[in-house]
PDB file of all heavy atoms in Angstrom:
ATOM      1  N   ALA A   1      -7.539  13.257 -17.775  1.00  0.00           N
ATOM      2  CA  ALA A   1      -6.494  13.223 -16.724  1.00  0.00           C
ATOM      3  C   ALA A   1      -7.165  13.047 -15.356  1.00  0.00           C
ATOM      4  O   ALA A   1      -6.658  12.249 -14.514  1.00  0.00           O
ATOM      5  CB  ALA A   1      -5.684  14.539 -16.773  1.00  0.00           C
ATOM      6  N   GLN A   2      -8.279  13.739 -15.130  1.00  0.00           N
ATOM      7  CA  GLN A   2      -9.018  13.581 -13.839  1.00  0.00           C
ATOM      8  C   GLN A   2      -9.532  12.137 -13.704  1.00  0.00           C
ATOM      9  O   GLN A   2      -9.523  11.591 -12.635  1.00  0.00           O
ATOM     10  CB  GLN A   2     -10.157  14.584 -13.761  1.00  0.00           C
ATOM     11  CG  GLN A   2      -9.669  16.034 -13.714  1.00  0.00           C
ATOM     12  CD  GLN A   2      -8.739  16.305 -12.553  1.00  0.00           C
ATOM     13  OE1 GLN A   2      -8.958  15.841 -11.434  1.00  0.00           O
ATOM     14  NE2 GLN A   2      -7.644  17.047 -12.802  1.00  0.00           N
ATOM     15  N   ALA A   3     -10.006  11.547 -14.806  1.00  0.00           N
ATOM     16  CA  ALA A   3     -10.498  10.184 -14.781  1.00  0.00           C
ATOM     17  C   ALA A   3      -9.372   9.216 -14.428  1.00  0.00           C
ATOM     18  O   ALA A   3      -9.539   8.225 -13.684  1.00  0.00           O
ATOM     19  CB  ALA A   3     -11.167   9.796 -16.117  1.00  0.00           C
ATOM     20  N   ARG A   4      -8.170   9.446 -14.981  1.00  0.00           N
ATOM     21  CA  ARG A   4      -7.037   8.593 -14.677  1.00  0.00           C
ATOM     22  C   ARG A   4      -6.655   8.734 -13.192  1.00  0.00           C
ATOM     23  O   ARG A   4      -6.327   7.713 -12.602  1.00  0.00           O
ATOM     24  CB  ARG A   4      -5.831   9.034 -15.521  1.00  0.00           C
ATOM     25  CG  ARG A   4      -5.905   8.613 -16.974  1.00  0.00           C
ATOM     26  CD  ARG A   4      -4.733   9.139 -17.752  1.00  0.00           C
ATOM     27  NE  ARG A   4      -4.915   8.939 -19.153  1.00  0.00           N
ATOM     28  CZ  ARG A   4      -4.224   8.112 -19.882  1.00  0.00           C
ATOM     29  NH1 ARG A   4      -3.263   7.387 -19.338  1.00  0.00           N
ATOM     30  NH2 ARG A   4      -4.460   7.973 -21.179  1.00  0.00           N
ATOM     31  N   ILE A   5      -6.730   9.922 -12.649  1.00  0.00           N
ATOM     32  CA  ILE A   5      -6.439  10.101 -11.245  1.00  0.00           C
ATOM     33  C   ILE A   5      -7.438   9.339 -10.386  1.00  0.00           C
ATOM     34  O   ILE A   5      -7.048   8.663  -9.383  1.00  0.00           O
ATOM     35  CB  ILE A   5      -6.404  11.614 -10.895  1.00  0.00           C
ATOM     36  CG1 ILE A   5      -5.224  12.291 -11.534  1.00  0.00           C
ATOM     37  CG2 ILE A   5      -6.471  11.836  -9.370  1.00  0.00           C
ATOM     38  CD1 ILE A   5      -5.234  13.804 -11.481  1.00  0.00           C
ATOM     39  N   ARG A   6      -8.712   9.449 -10.755  1.00  0.00           N
ATOM     40  CA  ARG A   6      -9.737   8.640  -9.975  1.00  0.00           C
ATOM     41  C   ARG A   6      -9.442   7.161 -10.047  1.00  0.00           C
ATOM     42  O   ARG A   6      -9.510   6.488  -9.005  1.00  0.00           O
ATOM     43  CB  ARG A   6     -11.112   8.964 -10.558  1.00  0.00           C
ATOM     44  CG  ARG A   6     -11.754  10.257 -10.125  1.00  0.00           C
ATOM     45  CD  ARG A   6     -13.192  10.365 -10.472  1.00  0.00           C
ATOM     46  NE  ARG A   6     -13.513  10.105 -11.854  1.00  0.00           N
ATOM     47  CZ  ARG A   6     -13.483  10.996 -12.831  1.00  0.00           C
ATOM     48  NH1 ARG A   6     -13.135  12.243 -12.561  1.00  0.00           N
ATOM     49  NH2 ARG A   6     -13.777  10.645 -14.053  1.00  0.00           N
ATOM     50  N   GLU A   7      -9.090   6.681 -11.227  1.00  0.00           N
ATOM     51  CA  GLU A   7      -8.786   5.235 -11.321  1.00  0.00           C
ATOM     52  C   GLU A   7      -7.550   4.824 -10.513  1.00  0.00           C
ATOM     53  O   GLU A   7      -7.509   3.796  -9.880  1.00  0.00           O
ATOM     54  CB  GLU A   7      -8.573   4.870 -12.822  1.00  0.00           C
ATOM     55  CG  GLU A   7      -9.882   4.855 -13.641  1.00  0.00           C
ATOM     56  CD  GLU A   7     -10.895   3.853 -13.098  1.00  0.00           C
ATOM     57  OE1 GLU A   7     -10.509   2.697 -12.841  1.00  0.00           O
ATOM     58  OE2 GLU A   7     -12.050   4.286 -12.961  1.00  0.00           O
ATOM     59  N   ALA A   8      -6.523   5.720 -10.568  1.00  0.00           N
ATOM     60  CA  ALA A   8      -5.329   5.408  -9.779  1.00  0.00           C
ATOM     61  C   ALA A   8      -5.637   5.395  -8.305  1.00  0.00           C
ATOM     62  O   ALA A   8      -5.144   4.563  -7.554  1.00  0.00           O
ATOM     63  CB  ALA A   8      -4.241   6.465 -10.091  1.00  0.00           C
ATOM     64  N   LYS A   9      -6.495   6.322  -7.848  1.00  0.00           N
ATOM     65  CA  LYS A   9      -6.872   6.347  -6.445  1.00  0.00           C
ATOM     66  C   LYS A   9      -7.666   5.128  -6.039  1.00  0.00           C
ATOM     67  O   LYS A   9      -7.442   4.523  -4.939  1.00  0.00           O
ATOM     68  CB  LYS A   9      -7.702   7.607  -6.123  1.00  0.00           C
ATOM     69  CG  LYS A   9      -6.882   8.849  -6.054  1.00  0.00           C
ATOM     70  CD  LYS A   9      -7.753  10.097  -5.763  1.00  0.00           C
ATOM     71  CE  LYS A   9      -6.894  11.310  -5.630  1.00  0.00           C
ATOM     72  NZ  LYS A   9      -7.703  12.539  -5.347  1.00  0.00           N
ATOM     73  N   LYS A  10      -8.530   4.641  -6.917  1.00  0.00           N
ATOM     74  CA  LYS A  10      -9.270   3.402  -6.636  1.00  0.00           C
ATOM     75  C   LYS A  10      -8.300   2.199  -6.574  1.00  0.00           C
ATOM     76  O   LYS A  10      -8.451   1.358  -5.662  1.00  0.00           O
ATOM     77  CB  LYS A  10     -10.278   3.119  -7.783  1.00  0.00           C
ATOM     78  CG  LYS A  10     -11.554   3.889  -7.694  1.00  0.00           C
ATOM     79  CD  LYS A  10     -12.571   3.274  -8.682  1.00  0.00           C
ATOM     80  CE  LYS A  10     -13.114   4.302  -9.552  1.00  0.00           C
ATOM     81  NZ  LYS A  10     -14.066   3.756 -10.552  1.00  0.00           N
ATOM     82  N   LYS A  11      -7.330   2.138  -7.457  1.00  0.00           N
ATOM     83  CA  LYS A  11      -6.367   1.067  -7.474  1.00  0.00           C
ATOM     84  C   LYS A  11      -5.521   1.062  -6.188  1.00  0.00           C
ATOM     85  O   LYS A  11      -5.314   0.073  -5.565  1.00  0.00           O
ATOM     86  CB  LYS A  11      -5.483   1.104  -8.718  1.00  0.00           C
ATOM     87  CG  LYS A  11      -4.515  -0.024  -8.830  1.00  0.00           C
ATOM     88  CD  LYS A  11      -3.742   0.008 -10.131  1.00  0.00           C
ATOM     89  CE  LYS A  11      -2.788  -1.205 -10.179  1.00  0.00           C
ATOM     90  NZ  LYS A  11      -2.048  -1.258 -11.426  1.00  0.00           N
ATOM     91  N   LEU A  12      -5.097   2.292  -5.842  1.00  0.00           N
ATOM     92  CA  LEU A  12      -4.318   2.441  -4.600  1.00  0.00           C
ATOM     93  C   LEU A  12      -5.143   1.999  -3.361  1.00  0.00           C
ATOM     94  O   LEU A  12      -4.627   1.294  -2.514  1.00  0.00           O
ATOM     95  CB  LEU A  12      -3.852   3.859  -4.429  1.00  0.00           C
ATOM     96  CG  LEU A  12      -3.064   4.197  -3.162  1.00  0.00           C
ATOM     97  CD1 LEU A  12      -1.787   3.352  -3.084  1.00  0.00           C
ATOM     98  CD2 LEU A  12      -2.736   5.661  -3.135  1.00  0.00           C
ATOM     99  N   ALA A  13      -6.376   2.411  -3.332  1.00  0.00           N
ATOM    100  CA  ALA A  13      -7.259   2.004  -2.214  1.00  0.00           C
ATOM    101  C   ALA A  13      -7.390   0.507  -2.123  1.00  0.00           C
ATOM    102  O   ALA A  13      -7.306  -0.087  -1.029  1.00  0.00           O
ATOM    103  CB  ALA A  13      -8.620   2.661  -2.322  1.00  0.00           C
ATOM    104  N   ALA A  14      -7.555  -0.154  -3.314  1.00  0.00           N
ATOM    105  CA  ALA A  14      -7.665  -1.599  -3.313  1.00  0.00           C
ATOM    106  C   ALA A  14      -6.372  -2.284  -2.843  1.00  0.00           C
ATOM    107  O   ALA A  14      -6.394  -3.258  -2.109  1.00  0.00           O
ATOM    108  CB  ALA A  14      -8.040  -2.079  -4.729  1.00  0.00           C
ATOM    109  N   LEU A  15      -5.228  -1.711  -3.311  1.00  0.00           N
ATOM    110  CA  LEU A  15      -3.981  -2.303  -2.863  1.00  0.00           C
ATOM    111  C   LEU A  15      -3.711  -2.120  -1.383  1.00  0.00           C
ATOM    112  O   LEU A  15      -3.187  -3.006  -0.699  1.00  0.00           O
ATOM    113  CB  LEU A  15      -2.818  -1.689  -3.689  1.00  0.00           C
ATOM    114  CG  LEU A  15      -2.758  -2.080  -5.117  1.00  0.00           C
ATOM    115  CD1 LEU A  15      -1.735  -1.232  -5.890  1.00  0.00           C
ATOM    116  CD2 LEU A  15      -2.421  -3.585  -5.286  1.00  0.00           C
ATOM    117  N   LEU A  16      -4.099  -0.969  -0.845  1.00  0.00           N
ATOM    118  CA  LEU A  16      -3.971  -0.712   0.572  1.00  0.00           C
ATOM    119  C   LEU A  16      -4.825  -1.677   1.377  1.00  0.00           C
ATOM    120  O   LEU A  16      -4.393  -2.248   2.395  1.00  0.00           O
ATOM    121  CB  LEU A  16      -4.295   0.731   0.950  1.00  0.00           C
ATOM    122  CG  LEU A  16      -3.318   1.766   0.508  1.00  0.00           C
ATOM    123  CD1 LEU A  16      -3.848   3.162   0.672  1.00  0.00           C
ATOM    124  CD2 LEU A  16      -2.019   1.626   1.232  1.00  0.00           C
ATOM    125  N   LEU A  17      -6.079  -1.911   0.934  1.00  0.00           N
ATOM    126  CA  LEU A  17      -6.951  -2.848   1.603  1.00  0.00           C
ATOM    127  C   LEU A  17      -6.403  -4.259   1.542  1.00  0.00           C
ATOM    128  O   LEU A  17      -6.442  -5.031   2.522  1.00  0.00           O
ATOM    129  CB  LEU A  17      -8.362  -2.812   1.028  1.00  0.00           C
ATOM    130  CG  LEU A  17      -9.217  -1.675   1.470  1.00  0.00           C
ATOM    131  CD1 LEU A  17     -10.540  -1.660   0.705  1.00  0.00           C
ATOM    132  CD2 LEU A  17      -9.520  -1.751   2.959  1.00  0.00           C
ATOM    133  N   GLU A  18      -5.815  -4.585   0.400  1.00  0.00           N
ATOM    134  CA  GLU A  18      -5.205  -5.946   0.284  1.00  0.00           C
ATOM    135  C   GLU A  18      -4.073  -6.074   1.270  1.00  0.00           C
ATOM    136  O   GLU A  18      -3.930  -7.136   1.900  1.00  0.00           O
ATOM    137  CB  GLU A  18      -4.694  -6.103  -1.186  1.00  0.00           C
ATOM    138  CG  GLU A  18      -4.044  -7.434  -1.465  1.00  0.00           C
ATOM    139  CD  GLU A  18      -3.474  -7.539  -2.880  1.00  0.00           C
ATOM    140  OE1 GLU A  18      -4.028  -6.877  -3.773  1.00  0.00           O
ATOM    141  OE2 GLU A  18      -2.511  -8.274  -3.019  1.00  0.00           O
ATOM    142  N   GLY A  19      -3.259  -5.036   1.408  1.00  0.00           N
ATOM    143  CA  GLY A  19      -2.166  -5.093   2.377  1.00  0.00           C
ATOM    144  C   GLY A  19      -2.678  -5.200   3.765  1.00  0.00           C
ATOM    145  O   GLY A  19      -2.176  -5.978   4.566  1.00  0.00           O
ATOM    146  N   ILE A  20      -3.681  -4.433   4.106  1.00  0.00           N
ATOM    147  CA  ILE A  20      -4.255  -4.412   5.467  1.00  0.00           C
ATOM    148  C   ILE A  20      -4.818  -5.804   5.794  1.00  0.00           C
ATOM    149  O   ILE A  20      -4.648  -6.305   6.879  1.00  0.00           O
ATOM    150  CB  ILE A  20      -5.356  -3.357   5.614  1.00  0.00           C
ATOM    151  CG1 ILE A  20      -4.690  -1.967   5.652  1.00  0.00           C
ATOM    152  CG2 ILE A  20      -6.187  -3.571   6.837  1.00  0.00           C
ATOM    153  CD1 ILE A  20      -5.691  -0.804   5.491  1.00  0.00           C
ATOM    154  N   ASN A  21      -5.441  -6.419   4.793  1.00  0.00           N
ATOM    155  CA  ASN A  21      -6.107  -7.714   5.003  1.00  0.00           C
ATOM    156  C   ASN A  21      -5.132  -8.893   4.874  1.00  0.00           C
ATOM    157  O   ASN A  21      -5.528 -10.029   5.033  1.00  0.00           O
ATOM    158  CB  ASN A  21      -7.265  -7.912   4.061  1.00  0.00           C
ATOM    159  CG  ASN A  21      -8.398  -6.911   4.378  1.00  0.00           C
ATOM    160  OD1 ASN A  21      -8.626  -6.561   5.525  1.00  0.00           O
ATOM    161  ND2 ASN A  21      -9.045  -6.427   3.362  1.00  0.00           N
ATOM    162  N   SER A  22      -3.860  -8.666   4.576  1.00  0.00           N
ATOM    163  CA  SER A  22      -2.929  -9.734   4.270  1.00  0.00           C
ATOM    164  C   SER A  22      -2.330 -10.326   5.535  1.00  0.00           C
ATOM    165  O   SER A  22      -1.645 -11.351   5.474  1.00  0.00           O
ATOM    166  CB  SER A  22      -1.796  -9.224   3.376  1.00  0.00           C
ATOM    167  OG  SER A  22      -0.962  -8.337   4.069  1.00  0.00           O
ATOM    168  N   GLY A  23      -2.583  -9.730   6.657  1.00  0.00           N
ATOM    169  CA  GLY A  23      -2.018 -10.319   7.909  1.00  0.00           C
ATOM    170  C   GLY A  23      -1.377  -9.263   8.774  1.00  0.00           C
ATOM    171  O   GLY A  23      -1.362  -8.086   8.437  1.00  0.00           O
ATOM    172  N   PRO A  24      -0.769  -9.704   9.858  1.00  0.00           N
ATOM    173  CA  PRO A  24      -0.164  -8.710  10.732  1.00  0.00           C
ATOM    174  C   PRO A  24       1.034  -8.039  10.059  1.00  0.00           C
ATOM    175  O   PRO A  24       1.730  -8.662   9.232  1.00  0.00           O
ATOM    176  CB  PRO A  24       0.330  -9.557  11.945  1.00  0.00           C
ATOM    177  CG  PRO A  24       0.355 -10.977  11.460  1.00  0.00           C
ATOM    178  CD  PRO A  24      -0.676 -11.064  10.318  1.00  0.00           C
ATOM    179  N   GLY A  25       1.267  -6.798  10.425  1.00  0.00           N
ATOM    180  CA  GLY A  25       2.325  -6.052   9.828  1.00  0.00           C
ATOM    181  C   GLY A  25       3.658  -6.334  10.482  1.00  0.00           C
ATOM    182  O   GLY A  25       3.742  -7.033  11.533  1.00  0.00           O
ATOM    183  N   ILE A  26       4.688  -5.830   9.911  1.00  0.00           N
ATOM    184  CA  ILE A  26       6.068  -5.941  10.464  1.00  0.00           C
ATOM    185  C   ILE A  26       6.631  -4.550  10.585  1.00  0.00           C
ATOM    186  O   ILE A  26       6.287  -3.665   9.795  1.00  0.00           O
ATOM    187  CB  ILE A  26       6.952  -6.851   9.594  1.00  0.00           C
ATOM    188  CG1 ILE A  26       7.126  -6.237   8.179  1.00  0.00           C
ATOM    189  CG2 ILE A  26       6.484  -8.271   9.525  1.00  0.00           C
ATOM    190  CD1 ILE A  26       8.165  -6.877   7.362  1.00  0.00           C
ATOM    191  N   PRO A  27       7.479  -4.327  11.563  1.00  0.00           N
ATOM    192  CA  PRO A  27       8.092  -3.006  11.693  1.00  0.00           C
ATOM    193  C   PRO A  27       9.109  -2.770  10.545  1.00  0.00           C
ATOM    194  O   PRO A  27       9.894  -3.687  10.258  1.00  0.00           O
ATOM    195  CB  PRO A  27       8.782  -3.050  13.053  1.00  0.00           C
ATOM    196  CG  PRO A  27       8.879  -4.498  13.437  1.00  0.00           C
ATOM    197  CD  PRO A  27       7.883  -5.209  12.658  1.00  0.00           C
ATOM    198  N   VAL A  28       8.979  -1.675   9.890  1.00  0.00           N
ATOM    199  CA  VAL A  28       9.913  -1.310   8.831  1.00  0.00           C
ATOM    200  C   VAL A  28      10.650  -0.094   9.270  1.00  0.00           C
ATOM    201  O   VAL A  28      10.102   1.001   9.347  1.00  0.00           O
ATOM    202  CB  VAL A  28       9.146  -1.074   7.506  1.00  0.00           C
ATOM    203  CG1 VAL A  28      10.125  -0.673   6.425  1.00  0.00           C
ATOM    204  CG2 VAL A  28       8.406  -2.341   7.060  1.00  0.00           C
ATOM    205  N   ASN A  29      11.909  -0.273   9.588  1.00  0.00           N
ATOM    206  CA  ASN A  29      12.771   0.803  10.072  1.00  0.00           C
ATOM    207  C   ASN A  29      14.147   0.656   9.428  1.00  0.00           C
ATOM    208  O   ASN A  29      14.348  -0.164   8.509  1.00  0.00           O
ATOM    209  CB  ASN A  29      12.839   0.725  11.612  1.00  0.00           C
ATOM    210  CG  ASN A  29      13.189  -0.655  12.112  1.00  0.00           C
ATOM    211  OD1 ASN A  29      13.925  -1.422  11.413  1.00  0.00           O
ATOM    212  ND2 ASN A  29      12.707  -0.988  13.284  1.00  0.00           N
ATOM    213  N   ASP A  30      15.093   1.443   9.871  1.00  0.00           N
ATOM    214  CA  ASP A  30      16.448   1.381   9.266  1.00  0.00           C
ATOM    215  C   ASP A  30      17.051   0.017   9.382  1.00  0.00           C
ATOM    216  O   ASP A  30      17.684  -0.490   8.452  1.00  0.00           O
ATOM    217  CB  ASP A  30      17.365   2.406   9.952  1.00  0.00           C
ATOM    218  CG  ASP A  30      16.997   3.826   9.519  1.00  0.00           C
ATOM    219  OD1 ASP A  30      16.301   4.016   8.508  1.00  0.00           O
ATOM    220  OD2 ASP A  30      17.399   4.773  10.263  1.00  0.00           O
ATOM    221  N   GLU A  31      16.862  -0.666  10.549  1.00  0.00           N
ATOM    222  CA  GLU A  31      17.395  -1.997  10.731  1.00  0.00           C
ATOM    223  C   GLU A  31      16.778  -2.988   9.714  1.00  0.00           C
ATOM    224  O   GLU A  31      17.501  -3.806   9.111  1.00  0.00           O
ATOM    225  CB  GLU A  31      17.092  -2.455  12.137  1.00  0.00           C
ATOM    226  CG  GLU A  31      17.601  -3.827  12.476  1.00  0.00           C
ATOM    227  CD  GLU A  31      17.275  -4.262  13.928  1.00  0.00           C
ATOM    228  OE1 GLU A  31      17.096  -3.382  14.753  1.00  0.00           O
ATOM    229  OE2 GLU A  31      17.165  -5.492  14.099  1.00  0.00           O
ATOM    230  N   TYR A  32      15.517  -2.879   9.474  1.00  0.00           N
ATOM    231  CA  TYR A  32      14.846  -3.725   8.501  1.00  0.00           C
ATOM    232  C   TYR A  32      15.474  -3.510   7.102  1.00  0.00           C
ATOM    233  O   TYR A  32      15.781  -4.489   6.433  1.00  0.00           O
ATOM    234  CB  TYR A  32      13.332  -3.431   8.438  1.00  0.00           C
ATOM    235  CG  TYR A  32      12.630  -4.061   7.253  1.00  0.00           C
ATOM    236  CD1 TYR A  32      12.163  -5.386   7.348  1.00  0.00           C
ATOM    237  CD2 TYR A  32      12.505  -3.370   6.041  1.00  0.00           C
ATOM    238  CE1 TYR A  32      11.508  -5.952   6.228  1.00  0.00           C
ATOM    239  CE2 TYR A  32      11.867  -3.970   4.975  1.00  0.00           C
ATOM    240  CZ  TYR A  32      11.388  -5.250   5.080  1.00  0.00           C
ATOM    241  OH  TYR A  32      10.754  -5.799   3.993  1.00  0.00           O
ATOM    242  N   TRP A  33      15.627  -2.252   6.675  1.00  0.00           N
ATOM    243  CA  TRP A  33      16.179  -1.959   5.339  1.00  0.00           C
ATOM    244  C   TRP A  33      17.622  -2.359   5.246  1.00  0.00           C
ATOM    245  O   TRP A  33      18.041  -2.876   4.192  1.00  0.00           O
ATOM    246  CB  TRP A  33      15.998  -0.475   4.996  1.00  0.00           C
ATOM    247  CG  TRP A  33      14.585  -0.130   4.723  1.00  0.00           C
ATOM    248  CD1 TRP A  33      13.792   0.747   5.429  1.00  0.00           C
ATOM    249  CD2 TRP A  33      13.729  -0.617   3.688  1.00  0.00           C
ATOM    250  NE1 TRP A  33      12.537   0.789   4.926  1.00  0.00           N
ATOM    251  CE2 TRP A  33      12.467  -0.070   3.789  1.00  0.00           C
ATOM    252  CE3 TRP A  33      13.938  -1.551   2.660  1.00  0.00           C
ATOM    253  CZ2 TRP A  33      11.398  -0.354   2.978  1.00  0.00           C
ATOM    254  CZ3 TRP A  33      12.864  -1.817   1.802  1.00  0.00           C
ATOM    255  CH2 TRP A  33      11.641  -1.260   1.919  1.00  0.00           C
ATOM    256  N   ASP A  34      18.396  -2.230   6.312  1.00  0.00           N
ATOM    257  CA  ASP A  34      19.788  -2.667   6.295  1.00  0.00           C
ATOM    258  C   ASP A  34      19.880  -4.186   6.072  1.00  0.00           C
ATOM    259  O   ASP A  34      20.680  -4.686   5.288  1.00  0.00           O
ATOM    260  CB  ASP A  34      20.512  -2.258   7.578  1.00  0.00           C
ATOM    261  CG  ASP A  34      20.730  -0.789   7.689  1.00  0.00           C
ATOM    262  OD1 ASP A  34      20.639  -0.067   6.679  1.00  0.00           O
ATOM    263  OD2 ASP A  34      20.976  -0.363   8.844  1.00  0.00           O
ATOM    264  N   LYS A  35      19.026  -4.894   6.777  1.00  0.00           N
ATOM    265  CA  LYS A  35      19.009  -6.364   6.648  1.00  0.00           C
ATOM    266  C   LYS A  35      18.558  -6.776   5.257  1.00  0.00           C
ATOM    267  O   LYS A  35      19.129  -7.680   4.633  1.00  0.00           O
ATOM    268  CB  LYS A  35      18.066  -7.000   7.682  1.00  0.00           C
ATOM    269  CG  LYS A  35      17.995  -8.440   7.696  1.00  0.00           C
ATOM    270  CD  LYS A  35      17.094  -9.009   8.771  1.00  0.00           C
ATOM    271  CE  LYS A  35      16.969 -10.541   8.672  1.00  0.00           C
ATOM    272  NZ  LYS A  35      16.005 -11.072   9.602  1.00  0.00           N
TER     273      LYS A  35
END
């Protein structure tokens, strides 16, 4: 179970880096979700 948690954290870190490196962000607020 601890090994699975470590792997999930690695995957999450990789996905976060991918998102950070994907370009400029956009504001996500109530208006965004309504649209």
